Protein backbone atom coordinates (compact mmCIF):
# COMPACT_ATOMS: atom_id res chain seq x y z
CA MET A 1 128.95 86.04 130.64
CA LEU A 2 127.26 85.72 127.26
CA ARG A 3 124.02 84.69 128.94
CA ARG A 4 124.18 87.69 131.33
CA TYR A 5 124.74 90.01 128.38
CA ALA A 6 121.81 88.53 126.50
CA ARG A 7 119.54 88.88 129.53
CA ARG A 8 120.52 92.53 129.95
CA LEU A 9 119.69 93.19 126.32
CA LEU A 10 116.40 91.39 126.76
CA ASN A 11 115.58 93.69 129.69
CA VAL A 12 116.19 96.67 127.43
CA MET A 13 113.83 95.26 124.82
CA ARG A 14 111.16 94.46 127.41
CA GLY A 15 111.13 98.11 128.46
CA VAL A 16 112.87 97.73 131.84
CA LEU A 17 115.24 100.58 131.00
CA THR A 18 112.92 103.52 130.37
CA ASN A 19 112.85 107.24 130.90
CA ASP A 20 112.65 107.82 134.65
CA ILE A 21 110.16 110.65 134.48
CA VAL A 22 107.72 108.77 132.29
CA ALA A 23 108.14 105.43 134.05
CA ALA A 24 107.11 107.07 137.31
CA ARG A 25 103.84 108.35 135.86
CA THR A 26 101.23 105.61 135.72
CA SER A 27 98.03 107.63 135.48
CA SER A 28 96.22 108.73 132.34
CA PRO A 29 97.45 112.00 130.79
CA SER A 30 95.49 114.95 132.09
CA SER A 31 97.68 117.99 131.60
CA ALA A 32 99.92 119.81 129.20
CA ALA A 33 102.80 119.01 131.55
CA PHE A 34 102.18 115.31 131.13
CA ASP A 35 102.07 115.67 127.35
CA GLN A 36 105.41 117.48 127.56
CA ASP A 37 106.83 114.61 129.60
CA ILE A 38 105.70 112.19 126.92
CA MET A 39 107.27 114.26 124.16
CA GLU A 40 110.53 114.50 126.11
CA HIS A 41 110.44 110.74 126.59
CA LEU A 42 109.93 110.09 122.90
CA GLY A 43 113.12 112.04 122.30
CA ALA A 44 115.00 110.51 125.21
CA ILE A 45 114.47 106.87 124.26
CA ARG A 46 116.87 107.03 121.35
CA HIS A 47 119.62 105.46 123.48
CA ASP A 48 117.35 102.60 124.48
CA GLN A 49 116.37 102.15 120.86
CA TRP A 50 120.03 101.84 119.96
CA LEU A 51 120.47 99.18 122.63
CA ALA A 52 117.38 97.41 121.35
CA LYS A 53 118.78 97.35 117.83
CA GLU A 54 122.00 95.91 119.22
CA ALA A 55 119.95 93.22 120.92
CA GLN A 56 118.00 92.52 117.77
CA GLY A 57 121.21 91.95 115.86
CA PHE A 58 122.42 89.57 118.52
CA LEU A 59 119.29 87.60 119.34
CA THR A 60 117.48 85.32 116.94
CA ASP A 61 113.76 84.60 117.12
CA GLU A 62 114.56 81.34 118.83
CA ALA A 63 116.81 82.97 121.42
CA LEU A 64 114.15 85.55 122.22
CA ILE A 65 111.72 82.77 123.07
CA PHE A 66 114.33 80.82 125.04
CA LEU A 67 115.21 83.86 127.17
CA ASP A 68 111.64 85.02 127.75
CA PRO A 69 110.23 83.37 130.90
CA ARG A 70 106.69 83.83 129.61
CA SER A 71 107.38 81.35 126.83
CA HIS A 72 107.37 78.46 129.32
CA ASP A 73 103.57 78.84 129.51
CA ALA A 74 101.83 77.30 126.48
CA ARG A 75 99.15 80.00 126.70
CA PHE A 76 101.72 82.72 125.81
CA LEU A 77 100.89 84.00 122.30
CA GLY A 78 104.40 85.31 121.70
CA ARG A 79 105.49 81.72 121.11
CA HIS A 80 103.74 81.74 117.72
CA ALA A 81 105.77 83.14 114.82
CA ALA A 82 104.76 82.55 111.21
CA LYS A 83 103.45 84.67 108.37
CA MET A 84 101.83 84.13 105.03
CA PHE A 85 100.55 87.60 104.09
CA SER A 86 100.84 89.60 107.31
CA GLN A 87 103.54 92.20 107.83
CA ASN A 88 104.62 90.69 111.13
CA TYR A 89 103.42 87.49 112.82
CA GLU A 90 99.72 88.38 112.86
CA ASP A 91 98.82 85.38 110.67
CA ALA A 92 100.16 82.91 113.22
CA ILE A 93 98.70 84.65 116.26
CA VAL A 94 95.25 85.17 114.70
CA ALA A 95 95.16 81.50 113.70
CA GLU A 96 96.14 80.42 117.21
CA ILE A 97 93.53 82.64 118.87
CA PHE A 98 90.71 81.29 116.72
CA ALA A 99 91.92 77.74 117.29
CA ARG A 100 91.30 78.40 120.98
CA VAL A 101 88.03 80.34 120.84
CA GLY A 102 86.44 78.95 117.66
CA GLU A 103 85.95 80.70 114.32
CA GLY A 104 82.31 81.77 114.69
CA ASN A 105 80.72 83.10 111.50
CA ARG A 106 84.12 83.90 109.93
CA ARG A 107 83.49 87.58 109.23
CA PHE A 108 86.15 90.32 109.44
CA ILE A 109 86.76 94.07 109.13
CA GLU A 110 90.17 95.52 108.33
CA ILE A 111 90.73 99.28 108.59
CA GLY A 112 93.92 100.32 106.84
CA ALA A 113 94.18 97.32 104.51
CA GLY A 114 96.91 98.71 102.23
CA ASP A 115 97.11 97.30 98.71
CA GLY A 116 96.18 93.82 99.89
CA SER A 117 99.57 92.25 99.24
CA GLU A 118 100.37 92.42 102.95
CA ASN A 119 97.74 92.77 105.65
CA THR A 120 96.10 90.95 108.54
CA THR A 121 93.03 89.47 106.84
CA ARG A 122 94.12 88.49 103.35
CA PHE A 123 95.04 85.01 104.58
CA LEU A 124 91.64 84.71 106.28
CA SER A 125 89.96 85.55 102.97
CA MET A 126 91.94 82.75 101.32
CA LEU A 127 90.60 80.41 104.00
CA GLY A 128 87.03 81.26 103.01
CA TRP A 129 86.26 84.11 105.43
CA SER A 130 84.17 87.11 104.34
CA GLY A 131 84.57 90.77 105.18
CA VAL A 132 85.41 94.32 104.22
CA TRP A 133 88.61 96.28 103.69
CA PHE A 134 88.80 100.04 104.26
CA GLU A 135 91.69 101.92 102.67
CA GLY A 136 92.23 105.61 101.93
CA ASP A 137 94.95 105.46 99.27
CA PRO A 138 93.45 105.29 95.74
CA ALA A 139 96.55 103.54 94.33
CA ASN A 140 96.30 100.86 97.04
CA ILE A 141 92.60 100.46 96.29
CA ARG A 142 93.27 99.86 92.59
CA THR A 143 95.93 97.24 93.32
CA ALA A 144 93.78 95.52 95.95
CA ARG A 145 90.75 95.31 93.64
CA GLU A 146 92.89 93.84 90.89
CA GLY A 147 94.57 91.32 93.15
CA MET A 148 91.38 90.26 94.94
CA ALA A 149 89.10 90.38 91.88
CA ASN A 150 88.02 86.75 92.24
CA VAL A 151 87.16 87.08 95.93
CA VAL A 152 85.27 90.32 95.28
CA ALA A 153 83.39 88.65 92.42
CA GLU A 154 82.39 85.82 94.78
CA GLY A 155 80.81 88.41 97.10
CA ARG A 156 83.10 87.52 100.01
CA LEU A 157 85.10 90.75 100.07
CA GLN A 158 84.12 94.41 99.84
CA ILE A 159 86.89 96.96 99.26
CA ILE A 160 85.83 100.47 100.25
CA GLU A 161 87.88 103.59 99.51
CA ALA A 162 87.58 105.89 102.52
CA MET A 163 89.69 107.91 104.94
CA VAL A 164 87.94 106.92 108.13
CA ASP A 165 87.35 109.23 111.10
CA THR A 166 85.40 108.99 114.33
CA VAL A 167 82.33 110.61 112.78
CA THR A 168 82.07 108.48 109.63
CA ILE A 169 83.43 105.11 110.71
CA ASN A 170 80.17 103.58 111.91
CA ASP A 171 78.23 104.68 108.83
CA LEU A 172 80.95 103.21 106.62
CA VAL A 173 80.91 99.92 108.51
CA GLY A 174 77.11 99.90 108.29
CA GLN A 175 77.34 100.08 104.50
CA ALA A 176 79.11 96.70 104.52
CA GLU A 177 76.03 95.12 106.16
CA LEU A 178 78.01 92.68 108.30
CA GLY A 179 75.71 93.00 111.30
CA SER A 180 76.34 94.31 114.81
CA GLU A 181 79.04 91.74 115.57
CA VAL A 182 81.91 90.26 113.59
CA ASP A 183 84.55 87.73 114.49
CA PHE A 184 87.67 89.76 113.82
CA ILE A 185 88.62 93.44 113.49
CA SER A 186 92.07 94.71 112.51
CA ILE A 187 92.96 98.42 112.79
CA ASP A 188 96.25 99.82 111.51
CA ILE A 189 96.08 103.47 110.50
CA ASP A 190 99.15 104.65 112.42
CA GLN A 191 98.09 108.02 113.83
CA ASN A 192 94.48 107.76 115.09
CA THR A 193 94.14 104.01 115.60
CA SER A 194 92.97 104.13 119.22
CA HIS A 195 90.38 106.85 118.56
CA ILE A 196 88.86 104.87 115.70
CA TRP A 197 88.66 101.72 117.80
CA ARG A 198 86.95 103.58 120.66
CA ALA A 199 84.43 105.09 118.23
CA LEU A 200 83.54 101.74 116.60
CA SER A 201 80.10 100.57 117.66
CA VAL A 202 80.30 97.13 116.01
CA SER A 203 81.61 94.51 118.42
CA ALA A 204 84.06 91.71 117.70
CA ARG A 205 85.14 88.46 119.27
CA VAL A 206 88.81 89.21 118.50
CA VAL A 207 90.57 92.51 117.74
CA CYS A 208 94.09 93.29 116.50
CA VAL A 209 95.26 96.88 117.06
CA GLU A 210 98.63 98.52 116.39
CA TYR A 211 100.30 100.05 119.46
CA ASN A 212 103.23 102.43 119.99
CA ALA A 213 106.04 100.41 121.56
CA ALA A 214 108.13 103.55 122.05
CA LEU A 215 106.01 104.18 125.16
CA PRO A 216 106.46 102.09 128.33
CA PRO A 217 103.70 99.60 129.21
CA SER A 218 102.75 101.44 132.39
CA ILE A 219 101.72 104.66 130.63
CA ALA A 220 98.24 105.27 129.23
CA TYR A 221 98.80 107.78 126.43
CA GLU A 222 97.16 108.53 123.07
CA VAL A 223 98.07 111.22 120.57
CA PRO A 224 95.42 113.95 120.58
CA TYR A 225 92.76 113.20 118.00
CA ASP A 226 92.98 115.17 114.77
CA PRO A 227 91.13 113.69 111.77
CA LYS A 228 93.38 115.62 109.38
CA GLN A 229 96.64 114.46 110.92
CA ILE A 230 98.49 111.49 109.46
CA TRP A 231 101.69 109.87 110.66
CA ASP A 232 104.62 112.30 110.31
CA LEU A 233 107.23 109.50 110.51
CA THR A 234 108.19 110.34 114.11
CA ASN A 235 107.67 108.33 117.32
CA HIS A 236 104.67 110.48 118.25
CA TYR A 237 101.82 108.39 116.87
CA GLY A 238 99.00 106.08 117.94
CA ALA A 239 98.59 104.92 121.53
CA SER A 240 100.51 103.10 124.21
CA LEU A 241 99.65 99.51 125.06
CA LYS A 242 98.19 100.60 128.43
CA ALA A 243 95.82 103.03 126.67
CA LEU A 244 94.62 100.24 124.40
CA GLU A 245 94.23 97.90 127.38
CA ARG A 246 91.83 100.42 128.93
CA ILE A 247 89.84 100.83 125.73
CA GLY A 248 89.58 97.05 125.56
CA CYS A 249 88.25 96.96 129.12
CA GLU A 250 85.58 99.51 128.19
CA LYS A 251 84.53 97.20 125.33
CA GLY A 252 84.50 94.05 127.46
CA MET A 253 87.72 92.68 125.97
CA SER A 254 90.97 91.40 127.48
CA LEU A 255 94.49 92.03 126.26
CA VAL A 256 95.76 88.49 125.61
CA GLY A 257 99.09 89.12 123.88
CA CYS A 258 101.29 91.03 121.44
CA ASP A 259 103.34 89.96 118.46
CA ARG A 260 107.06 89.49 118.93
CA HIS A 261 107.88 92.55 116.81
CA GLY A 262 106.23 94.95 119.25
CA VAL A 263 103.70 96.21 116.71
CA ASN A 264 100.27 94.64 117.29
CA ALA A 265 98.17 93.94 120.38
CA PHE A 266 95.47 91.25 120.43
CA PHE A 267 92.20 91.35 122.39
CA VAL A 268 89.59 88.65 123.01
CA ARG A 269 86.04 89.13 124.29
CA ASN A 270 85.96 88.45 128.03
CA ASP A 271 83.45 85.59 127.90
CA LEU A 272 85.75 83.69 125.50
CA VAL A 273 88.98 84.05 127.46
CA GLY A 274 88.59 81.47 130.25
CA ASP A 275 91.96 79.90 130.99
CA LYS A 276 92.99 79.81 127.33
CA PHE A 277 95.39 82.77 127.53
CA LEU A 278 98.22 83.91 129.79
CA SER A 279 97.06 86.15 132.64
CA PRO A 280 97.10 88.80 133.98
CA PHE A 281 95.66 90.56 130.95
CA THR A 282 97.64 93.77 131.39
CA ALA A 283 100.04 95.84 129.32
CA GLU A 284 102.81 95.14 131.82
CA GLN A 285 102.36 91.39 131.33
CA HIS A 286 102.10 91.28 127.54
CA PHE A 287 104.23 94.23 126.37
CA GLN A 288 106.72 93.49 123.60
CA PRO A 289 109.25 96.24 122.71
CA ALA A 290 109.77 97.38 119.15
CA ARG A 291 111.85 94.89 117.18
CA PHE A 292 111.31 96.25 113.69
CA SER A 293 114.46 94.60 112.33
CA LEU A 294 112.71 91.23 112.75
CA SER A 295 109.92 92.41 110.43
CA ARG A 296 111.49 91.39 107.15
CA PRO A 297 110.50 89.05 104.35
CA ARG A 298 111.30 85.42 105.08
CA GLY A 299 111.13 82.37 102.86
CA HIS A 300 109.67 82.43 99.37
CA ALA A 301 108.08 85.38 97.63
CA ARG A 302 104.33 85.78 97.92
CA PRO A 303 102.48 84.34 94.93
CA GLY A 304 99.95 85.72 92.48
CA TRP A 305 99.85 89.41 93.29
CA PRO A 306 100.06 92.48 91.03
CA ARG A 307 103.43 94.16 91.39
CA PRO A 308 102.81 97.19 93.64
CA ALA A 309 103.49 100.59 92.18
CA ALA A 310 106.60 100.91 94.37
CA GLU A 311 108.24 98.07 92.43
CA ILE A 312 107.29 99.06 88.88
CA VAL A 313 109.93 100.80 86.74
CA PRO A 314 109.04 102.15 83.27
CA ASN A 315 110.39 100.16 80.34
CA GLY A 316 113.66 101.48 78.99
CA ALA A 317 114.74 103.23 82.20
CA ARG A 318 118.46 104.03 82.26
CA GLN A 319 120.85 104.48 85.16
CA ALA A 320 122.61 107.79 85.71
CA ARG A 321 124.73 108.77 88.70
CA LEU A 322 124.16 111.88 90.81
CA LYS A 323 127.37 113.88 91.25
CA ILE A 324 126.60 116.89 93.44
CA ASP A 325 128.92 118.78 95.77
CA GLY A 326 128.10 117.98 99.38
CA VAL A 327 125.97 114.95 98.53
CA PRO A 328 127.20 111.33 98.48
CA GLU A 329 127.29 109.95 94.94
CA GLN A 330 124.13 108.03 94.17
CA PRO A 331 122.89 105.80 91.33
CA PHE A 332 119.74 107.33 89.88
CA LEU A 333 117.26 105.98 87.32
CA VAL A 334 116.05 108.18 84.48
CA HIS A 335 113.71 107.72 81.54
CA GLY A 336 114.65 106.26 78.20
CA PRO A 337 115.90 108.33 75.23
CA GLN A 338 112.41 109.65 74.48
CA ASP A 339 112.85 112.11 77.40
CA LEU A 340 115.17 114.66 75.78
CA TYR A 341 115.76 117.05 78.66
CA ILE A 342 115.95 116.13 82.35
CA SER A 343 116.94 112.51 81.77
CA GLU A 344 119.63 113.39 79.23
CA CYS A 345 120.97 116.14 81.48
CA LEU A 346 121.32 113.78 84.44
CA LEU A 347 122.95 111.10 82.29
CA ASN A 348 125.50 113.56 80.92
CA THR A 349 126.30 115.71 83.97
CA GLY A 350 124.99 113.94 87.08
CA GLN A 351 122.93 116.97 88.09
CA MET A 352 120.53 119.58 86.77
CA GLU A 353 120.22 123.32 87.44
CA PRO A 354 123.54 123.44 89.36
CA LEU A 355 122.92 126.77 91.07
CA GLU A 356 119.44 125.87 92.28
CA THR A 357 120.77 122.47 93.35
CA ALA A 358 123.57 124.08 95.38
CA ILE A 359 121.08 126.42 97.06
CA PHE A 360 118.75 123.51 97.78
CA VAL A 361 121.57 121.48 99.36
CA GLU A 362 122.36 124.29 101.80
CA LEU A 363 118.78 125.33 102.63
CA SER A 364 117.46 121.78 103.03
CA LYS A 365 119.80 121.38 105.99
CA LEU A 366 117.67 123.99 107.79
CA SER A 367 114.40 122.22 107.04
CA ALA A 368 112.07 120.25 109.32
CA GLY A 369 110.04 118.91 106.39
CA PHE A 370 110.31 119.09 102.59
CA LEU A 371 107.39 119.17 100.14
CA ASP A 372 108.27 118.75 96.45
CA ILE A 373 105.31 119.70 94.22
CA GLY A 374 105.97 118.55 90.69
CA ALA A 375 108.69 116.17 91.86
CA ASN A 376 109.25 114.64 88.38
CA ILE A 377 111.53 111.62 89.00
CA GLY A 378 112.60 112.47 92.55
CA TYR A 379 115.85 114.39 92.04
CA TYR A 380 115.43 116.83 94.94
CA CYS A 381 113.76 114.29 97.21
CA VAL A 382 116.69 111.90 96.89
CA ILE A 383 119.14 114.71 97.63
CA ALA A 384 117.18 115.59 100.77
CA ALA A 385 117.10 111.94 101.84
CA ARG A 386 120.88 111.67 101.46
CA ILE A 387 121.84 114.73 103.52
CA CYS A 388 118.96 115.57 105.89
CA PRO A 389 118.11 114.02 109.29
CA ALA A 390 116.49 110.60 109.13
CA ASP A 391 113.29 111.80 110.83
CA MET A 392 112.64 114.68 108.40
CA PRO A 393 109.46 114.09 106.32
CA ILE A 394 110.03 114.20 102.56
CA ILE A 395 106.87 114.32 100.45
CA ALA A 396 106.92 114.00 96.65
CA ILE A 397 103.83 115.09 94.71
CA GLU A 398 103.75 114.00 91.06
CA PRO A 399 100.75 113.24 88.82
CA ASN A 400 102.41 111.19 86.06
CA PRO A 401 102.54 107.46 86.91
CA ASP A 402 105.79 106.81 84.99
CA ASN A 403 107.49 109.62 86.89
CA VAL A 404 106.03 108.30 90.15
CA ALA A 405 107.44 104.85 89.41
CA LEU A 406 110.90 106.35 89.01
CA ILE A 407 110.57 108.37 92.21
CA ARG A 408 109.84 105.19 94.11
CA ALA A 409 112.61 103.27 92.36
CA ASN A 410 115.10 106.04 93.11
CA ALA A 411 113.95 106.14 96.73
CA ARG A 412 114.78 102.43 96.97
CA LEU A 413 118.20 102.98 95.39
CA ALA A 414 118.89 105.65 98.01
CA ALA A 415 117.70 103.32 100.81
CA ALA A 416 115.00 105.94 101.46
CA ALA A 417 111.79 104.15 100.45
CA HIS A 418 110.61 104.44 104.07
CA ARG A 419 111.33 108.18 104.13
CA ILE A 420 110.05 109.53 100.81
CA VAL A 421 106.25 109.63 100.77
CA THR A 422 105.09 109.72 97.15
CA LEU A 423 101.59 110.89 96.26
CA GLU A 424 100.39 110.36 92.68
CA ALA A 425 98.41 113.57 92.24
CA ALA A 426 98.50 117.10 90.89
CA VAL A 427 98.19 120.09 93.20
CA SER A 428 95.37 122.38 92.17
CA ASP A 429 92.76 124.74 93.62
CA ARG A 430 90.42 121.89 94.54
CA ILE A 431 90.35 118.23 95.53
CA GLY A 432 89.04 116.05 92.72
CA ARG A 433 90.30 115.19 89.25
CA THR A 434 91.66 117.07 86.25
CA ASP A 435 93.24 116.41 82.86
CA LEU A 436 97.02 116.13 82.62
CA HIS A 437 98.36 117.15 79.19
CA LEU A 438 101.36 114.95 78.41
CA SER A 439 104.52 115.95 76.59
CA SER A 440 105.95 113.28 74.28
CA SER A 441 109.54 114.55 74.47
CA ASN A 442 109.95 116.32 77.82
CA PHE A 443 108.66 114.30 80.76
CA GLY A 444 109.16 117.28 83.03
CA ASP A 445 106.68 119.32 80.97
CA HIS A 446 103.39 117.55 81.63
CA ARG A 447 100.80 120.26 82.40
CA VAL A 448 97.36 120.56 83.96
CA PHE A 449 96.31 123.09 81.33
CA ALA A 450 96.09 122.94 77.54
CA ASP A 451 98.59 124.70 75.30
CA PRO A 452 96.73 126.27 72.35
CA HIS A 453 99.84 125.91 70.17
CA GLU A 454 100.15 122.13 70.39
CA LYS A 455 97.91 119.11 70.67
CA ARG A 456 98.74 116.71 73.50
CA ILE A 457 97.45 113.39 74.75
CA THR A 458 95.57 113.83 78.03
CA THR A 459 94.97 111.55 80.98
CA SER A 460 92.79 112.04 84.04
CA VAL A 461 94.65 112.49 87.35
CA GLU A 462 93.66 113.11 90.93
CA THR A 463 94.11 116.53 92.47
CA THR A 464 94.72 117.78 95.96
CA THR A 465 95.44 121.26 97.36
CA LEU A 466 98.44 122.85 99.02
CA ALA A 467 96.30 123.77 102.01
CA ARG A 468 95.35 120.12 102.45
CA LEU A 469 98.98 119.01 102.19
CA LEU A 470 100.10 121.53 104.79
CA GLU A 471 97.39 120.24 107.12
CA GLN A 472 98.55 116.66 106.57
CA TYR A 473 102.24 117.47 107.02
CA PRO A 474 102.43 120.21 109.66
CA THR A 475 106.23 120.14 109.98
CA VAL A 476 106.80 121.08 106.32
CA ASP A 477 108.68 124.36 106.09
CA PHE A 478 110.47 123.97 102.72
CA ILE A 479 108.34 123.86 99.57
CA LYS A 480 109.62 123.50 96.01
CA ILE A 481 107.09 124.06 93.22
CA ASP A 482 107.73 123.28 89.57
CA THR A 483 104.37 122.78 87.88
CA GLN A 484 105.00 124.22 84.43
CA GLY A 485 103.01 127.40 84.89
CA ALA A 486 100.44 126.19 87.41
CA GLU A 487 102.30 127.80 90.33
CA PRO A 488 99.61 130.48 90.88
CA VAL A 489 96.92 127.78 90.94
CA VAL A 490 98.95 125.97 93.60
CA LEU A 491 99.84 128.91 95.81
CA LEU A 492 97.01 131.44 95.65
CA PRO A 493 94.24 129.26 97.17
CA ALA A 494 96.56 128.47 100.10
CA ARG A 495 97.35 132.07 100.92
CA GLU A 496 96.02 131.91 104.50
CA CYS A 497 98.03 128.77 105.32
CA LEU A 498 101.12 130.35 103.83
CA ARG A 499 100.66 133.58 105.77
CA ALA A 500 100.37 131.58 108.97
CA ARG A 501 103.79 130.05 108.22
CA ARG A 502 105.37 133.22 106.94
CA ASP A 503 108.12 133.27 109.58
CA THR A 504 109.23 129.66 109.03
CA ILE A 505 108.70 128.92 105.37
CA ILE A 506 111.16 128.63 102.48
CA VAL A 507 109.73 128.46 98.95
CA ILE A 508 111.48 127.83 95.63
CA LEU A 509 109.22 128.11 92.59
CA GLU A 510 109.61 128.28 88.86
CA PHE A 511 108.57 131.57 87.23
CA TRP A 512 107.85 131.04 83.50
CA PRO A 513 106.25 134.11 81.88
CA HIS A 514 105.58 132.27 78.58
CA VAL A 515 102.74 130.26 80.13
CA LEU A 516 101.49 132.82 82.66
CA GLU A 517 98.75 135.34 82.05
CA ALA A 518 99.61 138.85 83.26
CA HIS A 519 97.03 138.74 86.07
CA GLN A 520 98.41 135.39 87.26
CA ALA A 521 101.95 136.70 87.44
CA ASP A 522 100.80 139.85 89.24
CA GLU A 523 98.69 137.94 91.78
CA LEU A 524 101.51 135.51 92.48
CA LEU A 525 104.07 138.25 93.06
CA GLU A 526 101.62 140.30 95.10
CA LEU A 527 101.04 137.29 97.38
CA LEU A 528 104.79 137.01 97.99
CA ALA A 529 104.99 140.78 98.56
CA ASP A 530 102.01 140.69 100.95
CA MET A 531 103.81 138.03 103.01
CA ASP A 532 106.82 140.40 103.15
CA LEU A 533 109.20 137.69 101.98
CA THR A 534 112.65 138.44 100.65
CA LEU A 535 112.82 137.36 96.99
CA PHE A 536 115.89 136.03 95.19
CA ASP A 537 116.32 135.51 91.44
CA ILE A 538 118.22 132.26 90.77
CA ASP A 539 119.85 132.93 87.40
CA GLU A 540 121.21 129.63 86.03
CA ASP A 541 122.53 131.29 82.84
CA GLN A 542 124.80 133.72 84.71
CA ARG A 543 125.33 131.34 87.68
CA LYS A 544 124.38 134.06 90.13
CA VAL A 545 121.66 134.81 92.63
CA THR A 546 120.43 138.33 93.39
CA ARG A 547 117.80 139.90 95.60
CA LYS A 548 114.93 141.41 93.65
CA SER A 549 111.71 143.18 94.50
CA PRO A 550 108.30 141.99 93.29
CA GLU A 551 108.31 144.96 90.91
CA ALA A 552 111.61 143.82 89.40
CA PHE A 553 110.11 140.40 88.72
CA LYS A 554 107.07 142.07 87.10
CA ALA A 555 109.48 143.98 84.85
CA TYR A 556 111.19 140.68 83.99
CA TYR A 557 107.78 139.23 83.09
CA ARG A 558 107.02 142.13 80.73
CA ALA A 559 110.46 141.86 79.11
CA CYS A 560 109.91 138.16 78.46
CA LYS A 561 106.56 138.86 76.89
CA ASP A 562 107.83 141.61 74.56
CA GLY A 563 110.92 139.62 73.55
CA THR A 564 113.59 141.86 75.07
CA GLU A 565 114.57 139.29 77.72
CA ALA A 566 116.61 136.33 76.46
CA ARG A 567 116.20 134.20 79.58
CA PRO A 568 112.78 132.48 79.14
CA PHE A 569 112.26 131.46 82.77
CA THR A 570 113.84 131.69 86.18
CA ASN A 571 113.44 130.31 89.69
CA ILE A 572 112.40 132.44 92.64
CA LEU A 573 113.50 131.81 96.21
CA ALA A 574 111.18 133.40 98.79
CA THR A 575 111.78 133.43 102.54
CA SER A 576 111.99 135.66 105.58
CA ARG A 577 113.88 133.21 107.80
CA PRO A 578 117.03 134.78 109.26
CA ASP A 579 118.98 131.52 109.04
CA ALA A 580 118.09 131.11 105.36
CA LEU A 581 118.97 134.74 104.63
CA ASP A 582 122.33 134.23 106.33
CA VAL A 583 123.02 131.19 104.15
CA MET A 584 122.17 133.13 101.01
CA ALA A 585 124.46 135.98 102.04
CA LEU A 586 127.40 133.89 103.23
CA ALA A 587 127.32 131.03 100.72
CA PHE A 588 125.99 132.78 97.63
CA GLY A 589 126.75 136.49 98.16
CA ALA A 590 123.11 137.51 97.86
């Protein structure tokens, strides 16, 4: 009975139990109807995923091999399971492939190399191979260059910062001067992997490409190409194994296997295959379902690598505990005693701005994606991660590295490191760099502009734009902005994007007349008025929220400036969504 149960679970993991509509369609997608079928399938497979997780908890690596009939053939690559620096079992499979076909000139290309602590070619570089890494995240680039400094100095590794696309990829590869053929290419950029591989003109003897194991092996499907789109944390990403098989055929390569985790597919040039690998070289033969729970650290820690930013916590960090109605209690790290405001508030009360927090808790439940601009140490992001659906994107934007370190540490404490995307940058009116003026006593008051009344230490930080972020994260419909007076610089350049989302968007922003010029305040309020959004004044002093017109907020601005208004700043909620307006009326009487 136990054996029958195990075999049934194995069938689930091998993709035997799939959505009937999708399983019946074996041709390439050619219509909007087919795309709709795929999207319906990606929602319908949740039950199969649950069964797969049950199987993963029951079956060990060894049992998976024992129960898989393919493993009786020595040519089956899924038999090989070991890792030194790869995320999954790429190290073992790559080594086995080259043991069969020969190493050639030992040159590689990796696209999407991360910070170098965990990728497909770091182990090859340790074995004396030469090549190039492409990576788009500046923080990853800095860590990789530090960790691989010796190899870079030897001239065996180039690390190039670039967000690749189908137009630029061949020029970028050409800069590395590796020739028209290399021995190994690895591509792992989540969203557009298949499109980049198809566009690559350089050939390789062996290729490793990530595939989407949420799709059955009989379906040839790729997400539509969009160079601005990045993975939105859903199942709709990349390409199916069948789609990659066909691209491989176009390039004269055979699909020879997949890793046991159901993440990577491996291709070998046709003239090198011979009888060295298990045939037939099809997706149906070599498909491995997603077994992400097997992809975990094993054995000893990896040696000699800079601690990635995600693991760094500022010296002197203290532990508070979030205590918020409607949110499970949560340990939460704050700064040391030098931060006199937000950190002390969270240590003493377990929350900050109680009224705004209560409003955020209710409105975040309506959201399909949350963008926190000026996220500080991750307070609102952690709340969202604790109460919102697991597939909702949560993006934290924060320019100060000490704050970023605490965001990432708090994400780990909330078991949400995989959900909270943290970008170390300021949001401005352009993409580039700017000076961040640091406060020595209030770590929530770092600013991208100088205060003429005080002298501050400055540091250079990267900048992005709200328009760019909304392009990258198209499901975002809830935006919180607390940038210490830079709110107009954030919002005004993105006016067209905001107008396009007028019917779906919820915005909470700080309104601080002390640091705003009159024209900035007017332009900001006129933008909100032009979008015909309903505006609410969140008054923390009186613990009440009221609807106000743009003109009423202008009057508040003037009263702050002439000293007749005691409340120095407020928060504005702006939305036209009926469901959000209902919440504000029913829960807060506004």
